[in-house]
Amino acid sequence: MREIIPCNTCGSSSYEERKINYLYSHKGKYLLVPNTPVEICIDCGMIYYDAAVLKEIERRFFAIHQQHEMPDSYIQIPSKSYT
């Protein structure tokens, strides 16, 4: 994904490629993106995203919310205020 450089958090150069669930949010609207490719620092767990991946997620978010594309599915997210 990216050139191997030391982790910004711990300085390690050991990374592992994984896929995670990424939750994109903008002005109270959300898009859950399963299987998002990332690199994770093996030593401290810092997550690194490729800029092209984030740009594509952003593009899809706005396309879905402007109804130019359809999402794969809808999910309900329970909400409870902390009071």
Protein backbone atom coordinates (compact mmCIF):
# COMPACT_ATOMS: atom_id res chain seq x y z
CA MET A 1 0.00 0.00 0.00
CA ARG A 2 2.52 2.63 1.07
CA GLU A 3 6.28 2.96 1.24
CA ILE A 4 7.49 1.36 4.46
CA ILE A 5 8.54 4.19 6.74
CA PRO A 6 8.77 4.21 10.52
CA CYS A 7 5.48 4.38 12.40
CA ASN A 8 4.65 7.93 13.45
CA THR A 9 3.66 6.69 16.91
CA CYS A 10 6.32 4.16 17.95
CA GLY A 11 9.00 4.23 15.22
CA SER A 12 8.56 0.58 14.24
CA SER A 13 8.84 -0.49 10.60
CA SER A 14 6.76 -3.66 11.09
CA TYR A 15 3.32 -3.53 9.48
CA GLU A 16 0.60 -6.00 8.64
CA GLU A 17 -1.99 -5.60 5.88
CA ARG A 18 -5.54 -6.17 7.08
CA LYS A 19 -9.12 -5.34 6.17
CA ILE A 20 -11.32 -3.57 8.71
CA ASN A 21 -14.75 -1.99 9.00
CA TYR A 22 -14.41 1.77 8.44
CA LEU A 23 -17.12 4.21 9.51
CA TYR A 24 -17.13 7.41 7.47
CA SER A 25 -19.14 10.29 8.89
CA HIS A 26 -19.97 13.75 7.66
CA LYS A 27 -22.49 16.17 9.19
CA GLY A 28 -24.43 13.48 11.03
CA LYS A 29 -24.59 11.04 8.10
CA TYR A 30 -22.65 7.79 7.99
CA LEU A 31 -21.33 5.16 5.63
CA LEU A 32 -20.04 1.82 6.93
CA VAL A 33 -17.38 0.41 4.61
CA PRO A 34 -16.56 -3.24 5.36
CA ASN A 35 -13.30 -4.80 4.14
CA THR A 36 -11.40 -1.49 3.96
CA PRO A 37 -7.71 -2.24 3.30
CA VAL A 38 -5.29 -0.81 5.88
CA GLU A 39 -1.80 -1.30 7.21
CA ILE A 40 -1.47 -1.70 10.97
CA CYS A 41 1.71 -1.24 12.97
CA ILE A 42 2.40 -4.60 14.59
CA ASP A 43 4.04 -3.00 17.63
CA CYS A 44 1.54 -0.27 18.65
CA GLY A 45 -1.59 -0.88 16.55
CA MET A 46 -1.56 2.47 14.71
CA ILE A 47 -3.76 2.22 11.59
CA TYR A 48 -2.62 3.68 8.25
CA TYR A 49 -4.98 4.28 5.32
CA ASP A 50 -3.96 4.74 1.71
CA ALA A 51 -5.04 8.20 0.49
CA ALA A 52 -6.63 6.71 -2.66
CA VAL A 53 -8.78 4.40 -0.50
CA LEU A 54 -10.01 7.29 1.65
CA LYS A 55 -10.73 9.39 -1.44
CA GLU A 56 -12.83 6.56 -2.94
CA ILE A 57 -14.76 6.14 0.33
CA GLU A 58 -15.49 9.88 0.33
CA ARG A 59 -16.61 9.73 -3.32
CA ARG A 60 -18.96 6.83 -2.58
CA PHE A 61 -20.37 8.55 0.51
CA PHE A 62 -21.39 11.65 -1.44
CA ALA A 63 -22.64 9.62 -4.43
CA ILE A 64 -24.91 7.59 -2.12
CA HIS A 65 -26.18 10.59 -0.16
CA GLN A 66 -26.85 12.50 -3.41
CA GLN A 67 -28.63 9.37 -4.71
CA HIS A 68 -26.26 8.84 -7.66
CA GLU A 69 -25.35 5.39 -6.32
CA MET A 70 -27.15 2.89 -4.14
CA PRO A 71 -25.60 1.35 -1.02
CA ASP A 72 -25.25 -2.42 -0.79
CA SER A 73 -27.57 -2.40 2.22
CA TYR A 74 -28.90 -0.32 5.09
CA ILE A 75 -28.34 -1.00 8.80
CA GLN A 76 -29.89 0.46 11.92
CA ILE A 77 -27.64 1.96 14.58
CA PRO A 78 -29.09 2.25 18.08
CA SER A 79 -28.57 5.60 19.77
CA LYS A 80 -28.52 6.48 23.46
CA SER A 81 -27.48 9.83 24.91
CA TYR A 82 -24.99 9.94 27.74
CA THR A 83 -26.78 11.93 30.43
